[in-house]
Protein backbone atom coordinates (compact mmCIF):
# COMPACT_ATOMS: atom_id res chain seq x y z
CA MET A 1 -6.30 -3.17 75.61
CA ARG A 2 -7.76 -1.87 72.41
CA ALA A 3 -11.41 -2.26 71.72
CA SER A 4 -12.32 -3.66 68.34
CA SER A 5 -15.29 -2.78 66.22
CA GLU A 6 -17.67 -5.15 64.47
CA LYS A 7 -19.89 -4.33 61.53
CA ARG A 8 -23.50 -5.34 61.72
CA GLU A 9 -25.97 -5.87 58.91
CA GLY A 10 -27.18 -2.56 57.48
CA GLY A 11 -23.78 -0.90 57.72
CA GLU A 12 -23.87 -0.01 61.44
CA THR A 13 -20.69 -0.40 63.41
CA GLN A 14 -20.76 -1.64 66.99
CA GLN A 15 -17.93 -1.26 69.44
CA SER A 16 -16.87 -4.68 70.66
CA SER A 17 -15.92 -5.46 74.19
CA PRO A 18 -12.22 -5.45 75.13
CA TRP A 19 -12.73 -8.93 76.53
CA SER A 20 -13.88 -10.39 73.21
CA TRP A 21 -10.62 -12.31 72.91
CA LEU A 22 -11.87 -14.51 75.73
CA ARG A 23 -14.55 -16.03 73.49
CA PRO A 24 -14.43 -19.83 73.34
CA TRP A 25 -12.63 -21.35 70.36
CA PRO A 26 -13.66 -21.79 67.54
CA TRP A 27 -15.27 -18.45 66.88
CA PRO A 28 -19.08 -18.60 66.65
CA GLY A 29 -20.46 -18.53 63.12
CA ARG A 30 -17.18 -19.62 61.52
CA ARG A 31 -17.04 -22.93 59.64
CA TRP A 32 -13.89 -24.97 59.83
CA LYS A 33 -12.99 -27.27 56.98
CA ARG A 34 -11.97 -30.73 57.98
CA ALA A 35 -8.59 -31.82 56.70
CA SER A 36 -8.61 -34.52 53.99
CA THR A 37 -7.38 -38.05 54.54
CA ALA A 38 -4.34 -37.38 52.40
CA THR A 39 -3.42 -34.39 54.60
CA ARG A 40 -3.94 -36.21 57.88
CA TYR A 41 -2.36 -39.49 56.68
CA PRO A 42 0.12 -38.64 53.93
CA HIS A 43 1.47 -42.20 53.69
CA ARG A 44 -1.96 -43.85 53.47
CA PRO A 45 -3.37 -44.52 49.92
CA SER A 46 -6.54 -42.66 49.08
CA ARG A 47 -9.90 -44.32 48.55
CA LEU A 48 -9.78 -43.60 44.79
CA THR A 49 -6.42 -45.31 44.51
CA ARG A 50 -7.70 -48.37 46.36
CA THR A 51 -10.78 -48.50 44.10
CA ARG A 52 -8.65 -48.37 40.98
CA GLY A 53 -6.38 -51.10 42.29
CA ALA A 54 -9.35 -53.41 42.99
CA ALA A 55 -11.00 -52.76 39.62
CA LEU A 56 -7.95 -53.65 37.53
CA PRO A 57 -8.01 -57.45 38.21
CA ILE A 58 -11.74 -57.52 37.49
CA VAL A 59 -11.23 -55.78 34.15
CA LEU A 60 -8.43 -58.19 33.25
CA LEU A 61 -10.58 -61.18 34.18
CA ILE A 62 -13.49 -59.99 32.08
CA SER A 63 -11.17 -59.29 29.15
CA SER A 64 -9.66 -62.76 29.32
CA MET A 65 -13.14 -64.32 29.46
CA MET A 66 -14.21 -62.34 26.40
CA LEU A 67 -11.10 -63.40 24.50
CA THR A 68 -11.68 -67.05 25.40
CA THR A 69 -15.32 -66.86 24.35
CA SER A 70 -14.40 -65.19 21.06
CA ALA A 71 -11.78 -67.85 20.30
CA ALA A 72 -14.23 -70.66 21.05
CA TRP A 73 -16.89 -69.03 18.90
CA PHE A 74 -14.40 -68.64 16.04
CA GLU A 75 -13.39 -72.30 16.22
CA ALA A 76 -17.05 -73.37 16.29
CA THR A 77 -17.73 -71.23 13.23
CA LEU A 78 -14.82 -72.78 11.33
CA ALA A 79 -15.97 -76.28 12.25
CA ALA A 80 -19.51 -75.52 11.13
CA THR A 81 -18.21 -74.13 7.83
CA ARG A 82 -16.12 -77.24 7.21
CA ASN A 83 -19.06 -79.52 8.03
CA THR A 84 -21.29 -77.57 5.67
CA ALA A 85 -18.74 -77.83 2.85
CA ASN A 86 -18.29 -81.57 3.44
CA LEU A 87 -22.04 -82.13 3.47
CA ARG A 88 -22.41 -80.17 0.23
CA ASN A 89 -19.71 -82.28 -1.45
CA THR A 90 -21.34 -85.47 -0.20
CA LEU A 91 -24.72 -84.41 -1.60
CA TYR A 92 -23.16 -83.54 -4.97
CA ALA A 93 -21.49 -86.93 -5.15
CA PHE A 94 -24.60 -88.82 -4.00
CA HIS A 95 -26.93 -87.22 -6.53
CA ALA A 96 -24.38 -87.71 -9.32
CA ALA A 97 -24.07 -91.42 -8.53
CA ASP A 98 -27.85 -91.79 -8.27
CA ALA A 99 -28.37 -90.15 -11.65
CA ALA A 100 -25.76 -92.40 -13.27
CA LEU A 101 -27.33 -95.49 -11.71
CA THR A 102 -30.77 -94.52 -12.99
CA VAL A 103 -29.52 -93.98 -16.55
CA CYS A 104 -27.59 -97.26 -16.46
CA ALA A 105 -30.63 -99.21 -15.34
CA ARG A 106 -32.75 -97.69 -18.09
CA ASN A 107 -30.12 -98.48 -20.72
CA VAL A 108 -29.91 -102.10 -19.55
CA LEU A 109 -33.68 -102.55 -19.66
CA THR A 110 -33.93 -101.05 -23.13
CA GLY A 111 -30.99 -103.09 -24.41
CA ALA A 112 -28.92 -100.03 -25.25
CA VAL A 113 -25.94 -101.43 -23.33
CA SER A 114 -24.88 -104.87 -22.19
CA ALA A 115 -22.75 -106.25 -19.41
CA MET A 116 -19.00 -106.24 -19.92
CA THR A 117 -18.54 -109.55 -18.03
CA THR A 118 -20.76 -112.30 -16.66
CA SER A 119 -19.96 -114.45 -13.63
CA ALA A 120 -21.64 -117.40 -11.93
CA SER A 121 -21.46 -115.74 -8.54
CA GLU A 122 -21.85 -112.19 -7.34
CA PRO A 123 -19.54 -109.95 -9.38
CA VAL A 124 -16.53 -108.40 -7.65
CA GLY A 125 -14.97 -106.49 -10.53
CA TRP A 126 -16.23 -103.20 -9.10
CA LYS A 127 -13.93 -103.68 -6.10
CA LEU A 128 -10.78 -103.54 -8.27
CA GLU A 129 -9.68 -100.16 -9.54
CA ALA A 130 -8.24 -101.50 -12.79
CA SER A 131 -11.35 -103.43 -13.80
CA PHE A 132 -13.71 -100.65 -12.74
CA THR A 133 -11.80 -97.97 -14.65
CA ALA A 134 -11.58 -100.15 -17.76
CA GLY A 135 -15.24 -101.20 -17.88
CA ALA A 136 -17.04 -98.16 -16.42
CA SER A 137 -18.96 -95.80 -18.67
CA THR A 138 -20.10 -92.19 -18.19
CA PRO A 139 -23.85 -92.16 -18.76
CA VAL A 140 -24.01 -88.52 -17.70
CA ALA A 141 -21.51 -86.32 -19.52
CA GLN A 142 -21.36 -83.65 -16.80
CA TRP A 143 -22.82 -83.09 -13.36
CA PRO A 144 -23.16 -79.63 -11.72
CA GLY A 145 -20.70 -79.10 -8.88
CA ALA A 146 -18.75 -82.31 -9.61
CA VAL A 147 -15.08 -82.37 -10.51
CA LEU A 148 -15.62 -85.43 -12.76
CA PRO A 149 -18.69 -86.96 -14.42
CA PRO A 150 -20.24 -89.95 -12.63
CA GLN A 151 -19.28 -93.46 -13.72
CA CYS A 152 -21.23 -96.69 -13.93
CA LEU A 153 -20.07 -100.30 -14.27
CA ILE A 154 -22.45 -103.03 -15.50
CA GLU A 155 -21.62 -106.64 -14.58
CA GLY A 156 -23.65 -109.71 -15.55
CA TRP A 157 -24.73 -112.29 -13.00
CA ARG A 158 -26.02 -115.81 -13.64
CA LEU A 159 -28.46 -116.98 -11.00
CA ALA A 160 -28.25 -120.74 -10.44
CA ALA A 161 -31.75 -120.92 -8.97
CA ARG A 162 -33.26 -118.94 -11.87
CA PRO A 163 -31.52 -119.92 -15.11
CA ASP A 164 -34.02 -118.10 -17.33
CA ALA A 165 -33.55 -114.78 -15.54
CA ARG A 166 -31.00 -112.15 -16.44
CA ALA A 167 -29.31 -110.52 -13.47
CA TYR A 168 -27.02 -107.50 -13.38
CA LEU A 169 -25.03 -105.70 -10.75
CA LEU A 170 -24.79 -101.98 -11.47
CA THR A 171 -22.20 -99.95 -9.59
CA ALA A 172 -22.09 -96.15 -9.85
CA ARG A 173 -19.53 -93.71 -8.52
CA GLY A 174 -20.23 -90.01 -8.19
CA PHE A 175 -17.85 -87.17 -7.37
CA GLY A 176 -18.15 -83.92 -5.46
CA ARG A 177 -16.01 -80.83 -5.81
CA SER A 178 -12.87 -82.93 -5.33
CA ARG A 179 -11.78 -86.45 -6.23
CA ASP A 180 -11.77 -87.40 -2.56
CA SER A 181 -15.49 -86.64 -2.26
CA GLN A 182 -17.07 -89.81 -3.63
CA ALA A 183 -20.35 -91.66 -3.25
CA TRP A 184 -20.86 -95.29 -4.30
CA LEU A 185 -24.25 -96.78 -5.07
CA GLN A 186 -25.28 -100.21 -6.37
CA LEU A 187 -28.39 -101.69 -7.93
CA GLU A 188 -29.18 -105.38 -8.30
CA LEU A 189 -31.32 -105.71 -11.41
CA VAL A 190 -33.11 -108.98 -12.21
CA VAL A 191 -35.16 -109.38 -15.39
CA ASP A 192 -37.32 -112.50 -15.48
CA GLY A 193 -39.63 -112.35 -18.47
CA GLU A 194 -41.95 -109.41 -17.92
CA LYS A 195 -40.98 -109.11 -14.28
CA VAL A 196 -38.26 -106.66 -13.23
CA GLU A 197 -36.77 -106.64 -9.75
CA GLN A 198 -34.59 -103.84 -8.44
CA HIS A 199 -32.67 -103.91 -5.17
CA TRP A 200 -30.85 -100.70 -4.34
CA ARG A 201 -27.98 -100.57 -1.86
CA ARG A 202 -25.31 -98.14 -0.85
CA VAL A 203 -21.61 -98.93 -0.56
CA VAL A 204 -20.50 -97.62 2.83
CA ALA A 205 -16.74 -98.01 2.40
CA ARG A 206 -14.96 -97.04 -0.80
CA PRO A 207 -13.40 -100.12 -2.43
CA PHE A 208 -10.32 -98.18 -3.55
């Protein structure tokens, strides 16, 4: 058997024993690297692969939730925009009709205009499109934000209980940015000597 030599620290060489091969395995002072899972189990998926496989459904779920939330938010924004536009048109039409009604009432009280027709009962000419279009006037030539100027119809009304009083039914129609955006207002005006009575009311449903 051949004796082997070992080198110590400091450069000195020491003759090893011929029976050094009988040392217990593994050799003292030598570190052995443990084999990886992929080496020991080649057909078993690694931990990184399993993590990626579990994360994919979560990412897809979160993405779908974000898309659904974005779509709902977009629809809500569109609905709010439409409601705002409709409210703006309604306000334009309402203020136009109110202005026309105010001017009509002032003209009636000053005698600048008179009623087109007079009936013994409550007038209904404003409910018919032909009679309203033929007898309505435009006391305001133009209204900001309105597609058409507001209109006003003056109808006389004889009160059986008050024969000396003069009664009128004033009906005004205002427009918004389109012809479909309309507001209808009415004013019952009663003049009895020096006394003037005004009863304002709003027409909920368009007559035509």
